[in-house]
């Protein structure tokens, strides 16, 4: 009986090996598990690092379609995407002071992603 109790306790403590609850908002904190070598993953990481602090709901957009549905981007049309036109780099006011404009590399990752969408 004692051994069964010990096994149950150990399984409860170490059962799945997962460090966050995949069905909770922890996904935003820990990342969506997107592959950074893909255009979406690279763009997501830029947005996570530079935008999610204020725009936390964007962390829920983990697919290309979710971003398109948000109307923040226009597939294959970076120049007409709200996201682009909001950036300091292009005359907008995001990110706000005292934060700097996105780097050329960061903007390039977003542009490659949006323009490469089907």
N, C-alpha and C. Protein backbone atom coordinates (compact mmCIF):
# COMPACT_ATOMS: atom_id res chain seq x y z
N UNK A 1 0.83 -1.19 0.00
CA UNK A 1 0.00 0.00 0.00
C UNK A 1 0.87 1.25 0.00
N UNK A 2 1.92 1.22 0.81
CA UNK A 2 2.82 2.34 0.90
C UNK A 2 3.52 2.61 -0.42
N UNK A 3 3.91 1.55 -1.12
CA UNK A 3 4.59 1.69 -2.41
C UNK A 3 3.66 2.29 -3.46
N UNK A 4 2.42 1.90 -3.43
CA UNK A 4 1.45 2.45 -4.38
C UNK A 4 1.29 3.95 -4.14
N UNK A 5 1.19 4.33 -2.89
CA UNK A 5 1.07 5.75 -2.55
C UNK A 5 2.29 6.52 -3.06
N UNK A 6 3.47 5.98 -2.85
CA UNK A 6 4.71 6.62 -3.28
C UNK A 6 4.74 6.76 -4.80
N UNK A 7 4.33 5.74 -5.51
CA UNK A 7 4.30 5.79 -6.97
C UNK A 7 3.32 6.86 -7.45
N UNK A 8 2.17 6.95 -6.83
CA UNK A 8 1.18 7.96 -7.20
C UNK A 8 1.73 9.37 -6.96
N UNK A 9 2.36 9.58 -5.83
CA UNK A 9 2.93 10.88 -5.51
C UNK A 9 4.04 11.24 -6.50
N UNK A 10 4.91 10.30 -6.79
CA UNK A 10 6.00 10.56 -7.73
C UNK A 10 5.47 10.83 -9.13
N UNK A 11 4.49 10.07 -9.54
CA UNK A 11 3.90 10.30 -10.85
C UNK A 11 3.27 11.69 -10.93
N UNK A 12 2.60 12.09 -9.87
CA UNK A 12 1.99 13.42 -9.84
C UNK A 12 3.02 14.54 -9.93
N UNK A 13 4.16 14.32 -9.31
CA UNK A 13 5.21 15.34 -9.31
C UNK A 13 5.98 15.38 -10.62
N UNK A 14 6.22 14.24 -11.22
CA UNK A 14 7.11 14.17 -12.37
C UNK A 14 6.45 13.57 -13.62
N UNK A 15 5.15 13.40 -13.57
CA UNK A 15 4.44 12.67 -14.60
C UNK A 15 4.68 13.07 -16.04
N UNK A 16 4.46 14.32 -16.37
CA UNK A 16 4.51 14.65 -17.79
C UNK A 16 5.79 15.36 -18.19
N UNK A 17 6.55 15.88 -17.25
CA UNK A 17 7.79 16.54 -17.60
C UNK A 17 7.61 17.89 -18.27
N UNK A 18 6.42 18.38 -18.33
CA UNK A 18 6.12 19.64 -18.98
C UNK A 18 6.29 20.77 -17.97
N UNK A 19 6.89 21.90 -18.40
CA UNK A 19 7.13 22.98 -17.44
C UNK A 19 6.07 24.07 -17.48
N UNK A 20 5.01 23.90 -18.28
CA UNK A 20 3.90 24.84 -18.28
C UNK A 20 2.64 24.14 -18.72
N UNK A 21 1.52 24.75 -18.44
CA UNK A 21 0.22 24.20 -18.80
C UNK A 21 -0.13 24.65 -20.21
N UNK A 22 -0.09 23.75 -21.17
CA UNK A 22 -0.28 24.11 -22.56
C UNK A 22 -1.67 24.65 -22.86
N UNK A 23 -2.60 24.51 -21.95
CA UNK A 23 -3.94 25.02 -22.21
C UNK A 23 -4.20 26.34 -21.48
N UNK A 24 -3.14 26.96 -20.98
CA UNK A 24 -3.32 28.20 -20.23
C UNK A 24 -2.60 29.35 -20.91
N UNK A 25 -2.67 30.50 -20.30
CA UNK A 25 -1.98 31.68 -20.83
C UNK A 25 -0.47 31.59 -20.64
N UNK A 26 0.02 30.53 -20.00
CA UNK A 26 1.46 30.35 -19.87
C UNK A 26 2.14 30.25 -21.22
N UNK A 27 1.38 29.91 -22.24
CA UNK A 27 1.94 29.79 -23.58
C UNK A 27 2.57 31.12 -24.00
N UNK A 28 1.96 32.23 -23.64
CA UNK A 28 2.50 33.54 -23.99
C UNK A 28 3.83 33.76 -23.26
N UNK A 29 3.87 33.41 -21.99
CA UNK A 29 5.08 33.62 -21.20
C UNK A 29 6.23 32.75 -21.69
N UNK A 30 5.96 31.51 -22.00
CA UNK A 30 7.01 30.57 -22.35
C UNK A 30 7.25 30.45 -23.85
N UNK A 31 6.39 31.05 -24.66
CA UNK A 31 6.52 30.92 -26.10
C UNK A 31 5.57 29.86 -26.61
N UNK A 32 5.23 29.97 -27.85
CA UNK A 32 4.24 29.09 -28.42
C UNK A 32 4.84 27.81 -28.95
N UNK A 33 6.13 27.65 -28.81
CA UNK A 33 6.76 26.47 -29.35
C UNK A 33 6.87 26.54 -30.86
N UNK A 34 6.82 27.76 -31.40
CA UNK A 34 6.95 27.94 -32.84
C UNK A 34 8.41 27.78 -33.24
N UNK A 35 8.63 27.15 -34.36
CA UNK A 35 9.97 26.91 -34.87
C UNK A 35 10.56 28.22 -35.37
N UNK A 36 11.58 28.73 -34.70
CA UNK A 36 12.18 30.02 -35.04
C UNK A 36 12.84 30.02 -36.41
N UNK A 37 13.04 28.84 -37.01
CA UNK A 37 13.65 28.80 -38.34
C UNK A 37 12.61 29.01 -39.45
N UNK A 38 11.33 29.08 -39.08
CA UNK A 38 10.29 29.36 -40.07
C UNK A 38 10.01 30.87 -40.06
N UNK A 39 9.49 31.41 -41.15
CA UNK A 39 9.17 32.84 -41.16
C UNK A 39 8.20 33.24 -40.05
N UNK A 40 7.16 32.42 -39.80
CA UNK A 40 6.22 32.73 -38.73
C UNK A 40 6.92 32.72 -37.38
N UNK A 41 7.74 31.71 -37.13
CA UNK A 41 8.44 31.61 -35.85
C UNK A 41 9.40 32.76 -35.63
N UNK A 42 10.13 33.15 -36.66
CA UNK A 42 11.08 34.27 -36.54
C UNK A 42 10.32 35.56 -36.27
N UNK A 43 9.23 35.79 -36.98
CA UNK A 43 8.42 36.99 -36.78
C UNK A 43 7.78 36.98 -35.40
N UNK A 44 7.26 35.84 -34.99
CA UNK A 44 6.62 35.71 -33.69
C UNK A 44 7.60 36.09 -32.58
N UNK A 45 8.85 35.64 -32.71
CA UNK A 45 9.85 35.96 -31.69
C UNK A 45 10.14 37.46 -31.63
N UNK A 46 10.18 38.12 -32.79
CA UNK A 46 10.36 39.58 -32.80
C UNK A 46 9.19 40.23 -32.08
N UNK A 47 7.99 39.84 -32.43
CA UNK A 47 6.79 40.42 -31.83
C UNK A 47 6.73 40.13 -30.33
N UNK A 48 7.11 38.93 -29.95
CA UNK A 48 7.11 38.56 -28.53
C UNK A 48 8.09 39.43 -27.76
N UNK A 49 9.26 39.64 -28.32
CA UNK A 49 10.29 40.43 -27.65
C UNK A 49 9.98 41.92 -27.63
N UNK A 50 9.32 42.42 -28.67
CA UNK A 50 9.18 43.86 -28.81
C UNK A 50 7.76 44.39 -28.60
N UNK A 51 6.75 43.52 -28.68
CA UNK A 51 5.37 44.01 -28.69
C UNK A 51 4.46 43.41 -27.63
N UNK A 52 4.68 42.15 -27.28
CA UNK A 52 3.73 41.45 -26.40
C UNK A 52 3.65 42.04 -25.00
N UNK A 53 4.65 42.80 -24.59
CA UNK A 53 4.60 43.40 -23.26
C UNK A 53 3.34 44.26 -23.12
N UNK A 54 2.99 44.97 -24.17
CA UNK A 54 1.77 45.80 -24.16
C UNK A 54 0.61 45.13 -24.89
N UNK A 55 0.92 44.43 -25.97
CA UNK A 55 -0.10 43.78 -26.79
C UNK A 55 -0.13 42.28 -26.48
N UNK A 56 -0.42 41.94 -25.24
CA UNK A 56 -0.32 40.54 -24.79
C UNK A 56 -1.28 39.62 -25.52
N UNK A 57 -2.42 40.12 -25.98
CA UNK A 57 -3.38 39.28 -26.69
C UNK A 57 -2.79 38.72 -27.98
N UNK A 58 -1.81 39.41 -28.54
CA UNK A 58 -1.18 38.94 -29.77
C UNK A 58 -0.48 37.61 -29.57
N UNK A 59 -0.15 37.28 -28.34
CA UNK A 59 0.49 36.01 -28.06
C UNK A 59 -0.38 34.82 -28.42
N UNK A 60 -1.68 35.07 -28.56
CA UNK A 60 -2.62 34.01 -28.94
C UNK A 60 -2.61 33.74 -30.44
N UNK A 61 -2.01 34.63 -31.21
CA UNK A 61 -1.96 34.46 -32.66
C UNK A 61 -0.74 33.61 -33.01
N UNK A 62 -0.93 32.33 -33.04
CA UNK A 62 0.19 31.41 -33.27
C UNK A 62 0.14 30.74 -34.63
N UNK A 63 -0.76 31.20 -35.49
CA UNK A 63 -0.82 30.69 -36.86
C UNK A 63 -0.87 31.87 -37.82
N UNK A 64 -0.49 31.63 -39.05
CA UNK A 64 -0.58 32.68 -40.07
C UNK A 64 -2.02 33.17 -40.20
N UNK A 65 -2.96 32.25 -40.21
CA UNK A 65 -4.36 32.63 -40.39
C UNK A 65 -4.86 33.50 -39.24
N UNK A 66 -4.42 33.22 -38.03
CA UNK A 66 -4.84 34.05 -36.89
C UNK A 66 -4.36 35.48 -37.07
N UNK A 67 -3.14 35.65 -37.56
CA UNK A 67 -2.62 37.00 -37.80
C UNK A 67 -3.39 37.69 -38.93
N UNK A 68 -3.70 36.96 -39.98
CA UNK A 68 -4.48 37.53 -41.08
C UNK A 68 -5.86 37.92 -40.59
N UNK A 69 -6.50 37.04 -39.83
CA UNK A 69 -7.84 37.31 -39.30
C UNK A 69 -7.86 38.52 -38.36
N UNK A 70 -6.73 38.79 -37.71
CA UNK A 70 -6.65 39.94 -36.81
C UNK A 70 -6.66 41.26 -37.57
N UNK A 71 -6.40 41.17 -38.85
CA UNK A 71 -6.31 42.33 -39.75
C UNK A 71 -5.11 43.22 -39.48
N UNK A 72 -4.18 42.73 -38.69
CA UNK A 72 -2.94 43.47 -38.44
C UNK A 72 -1.98 43.34 -39.61
N UNK A 73 -2.13 42.25 -40.35
CA UNK A 73 -1.29 42.04 -41.53
C UNK A 73 -2.18 41.71 -42.73
N UNK A 74 -1.64 42.01 -43.90
CA UNK A 74 -2.29 41.65 -45.15
C UNK A 74 -1.36 40.67 -45.85
N UNK A 75 -1.82 39.46 -46.06
CA UNK A 75 -0.98 38.42 -46.67
C UNK A 75 -0.38 38.93 -47.98
N UNK A 76 0.92 38.73 -48.12
CA UNK A 76 1.68 39.10 -49.30
C UNK A 76 1.75 40.61 -49.54
N UNK A 77 1.39 41.41 -48.54
CA UNK A 77 1.37 42.86 -48.73
C UNK A 77 1.83 43.60 -47.48
N UNK A 78 3.11 43.47 -47.19
CA UNK A 78 3.70 44.12 -46.02
C UNK A 78 3.43 45.63 -46.02
N UNK A 79 3.55 46.26 -47.18
CA UNK A 79 3.42 47.72 -47.25
C UNK A 79 2.04 48.22 -46.86
N UNK A 80 1.01 47.41 -46.97
CA UNK A 80 -0.34 47.82 -46.60
C UNK A 80 -0.85 47.16 -45.32
N UNK A 81 0.08 46.61 -44.54
CA UNK A 81 -0.29 45.98 -43.28
C UNK A 81 -0.29 47.00 -42.15
N UNK A 82 -1.30 46.96 -41.32
CA UNK A 82 -1.39 47.86 -40.17
C UNK A 82 -0.15 47.72 -39.29
N UNK A 83 0.32 46.51 -39.12
CA UNK A 83 1.50 46.28 -38.29
C UNK A 83 2.68 47.11 -38.79
N UNK A 84 2.95 47.06 -40.07
CA UNK A 84 4.06 47.83 -40.65
C UNK A 84 3.86 49.32 -40.47
N UNK A 85 2.68 49.79 -40.79
CA UNK A 85 2.43 51.23 -40.78
C UNK A 85 2.36 51.81 -39.37
N UNK A 86 2.28 50.94 -38.36
CA UNK A 86 2.28 51.39 -36.97
C UNK A 86 3.68 51.57 -36.40
N UNK A 87 4.66 51.01 -37.08
CA UNK A 87 6.03 51.03 -36.56
C UNK A 87 6.69 52.39 -36.75
N UNK A 88 7.50 52.78 -35.77
CA UNK A 88 8.28 54.02 -35.86
C UNK A 88 9.08 54.06 -37.15
N UNK A 89 9.58 52.91 -37.58
CA UNK A 89 10.40 52.83 -38.78
C UNK A 89 9.67 53.39 -40.00
N UNK A 90 8.34 53.39 -39.96
CA UNK A 90 7.55 53.77 -41.12
C UNK A 90 6.59 54.92 -40.80
N UNK A 91 6.92 55.72 -39.80
CA UNK A 91 6.13 56.91 -39.48
C UNK A 91 5.07 56.72 -38.40
N UNK A 92 4.92 55.52 -37.89
CA UNK A 92 3.96 55.28 -36.82
C UNK A 92 4.56 55.61 -35.46
N UNK A 93 3.92 55.16 -34.40
CA UNK A 93 4.42 55.49 -33.06
C UNK A 93 4.66 54.26 -32.20
N UNK A 94 4.87 53.11 -32.82
CA UNK A 94 5.13 51.88 -32.09
C UNK A 94 6.55 51.39 -32.39
N UNK A 95 7.24 50.88 -31.43
CA UNK A 95 6.90 50.91 -30.02
C UNK A 95 7.02 52.34 -29.47
N UNK A 96 6.25 52.63 -28.41
CA UNK A 96 6.23 53.99 -27.87
C UNK A 96 7.53 54.33 -27.13
N UNK A 97 7.75 55.61 -26.92
CA UNK A 97 8.91 56.06 -26.14
C UNK A 97 8.83 55.43 -24.76
N UNK A 98 9.92 55.10 -24.21
CA UNK A 98 11.29 55.36 -24.62
C UNK A 98 11.89 54.24 -25.46
N UNK A 99 11.08 53.34 -25.97
CA UNK A 99 11.58 52.21 -26.73
C UNK A 99 12.00 52.65 -28.13
N UNK A 100 13.03 52.03 -28.62
CA UNK A 100 13.56 52.36 -29.95
C UNK A 100 12.77 51.66 -31.04
N UNK A 101 12.93 52.19 -32.24
CA UNK A 101 12.34 51.55 -33.41
C UNK A 101 12.95 50.16 -33.58
N UNK A 102 12.26 49.30 -34.30
CA UNK A 102 12.78 47.96 -34.55
C UNK A 102 14.05 48.06 -35.39
N UNK A 103 14.92 47.10 -35.21
CA UNK A 103 16.15 47.05 -36.00
C UNK A 103 15.80 46.63 -37.42
N UNK A 104 16.74 46.86 -38.32
CA UNK A 104 16.56 46.45 -39.71
C UNK A 104 16.32 44.95 -39.79
N UNK A 105 17.04 44.17 -38.98
CA UNK A 105 16.88 42.72 -38.97
C UNK A 105 15.48 42.33 -38.48
N UNK A 106 15.00 42.99 -37.45
CA UNK A 106 13.66 42.69 -36.92
C UNK A 106 12.58 43.00 -37.96
N UNK A 107 12.70 44.15 -38.59
CA UNK A 107 11.72 44.53 -39.62
C UNK A 107 11.79 43.55 -40.78
N UNK A 108 12.99 43.15 -41.15
CA UNK A 108 13.15 42.22 -42.27
C UNK A 108 12.47 40.89 -41.98
N UNK A 109 12.56 40.40 -40.74
CA UNK A 109 11.90 39.14 -40.39
C UNK A 109 10.38 39.26 -40.53
N UNK A 110 9.84 40.39 -40.12
CA UNK A 110 8.39 40.60 -40.27
C UNK A 110 8.00 40.70 -41.73
N UNK A 111 8.78 41.43 -42.51
CA UNK A 111 8.48 41.62 -43.93
C UNK A 111 8.57 40.30 -44.70
N UNK A 112 9.60 39.53 -44.45
CA UNK A 112 9.75 38.23 -45.12
C UNK A 112 8.55 37.33 -44.80
N UNK A 113 8.15 37.32 -43.55
CA UNK A 113 7.00 36.52 -43.13
C UNK A 113 5.73 36.95 -43.86
N UNK A 114 5.39 38.21 -43.78
CA UNK A 114 4.12 38.69 -44.37
C UNK A 114 4.12 38.53 -45.89
N UNK A 115 5.20 38.93 -46.54
CA UNK A 115 5.24 38.85 -48.01
C UNK A 115 5.30 37.43 -48.52
N UNK A 116 5.70 36.49 -47.66
CA UNK A 116 5.79 35.09 -48.07
C UNK A 116 4.55 34.26 -47.80
N UNK A 117 3.52 34.91 -47.24
CA UNK A 117 2.30 34.16 -46.92
C UNK A 117 1.58 33.76 -48.19
N UNK A 118 0.91 32.59 -48.13
CA UNK A 118 0.16 32.14 -49.32
C UNK A 118 -1.10 32.97 -49.55
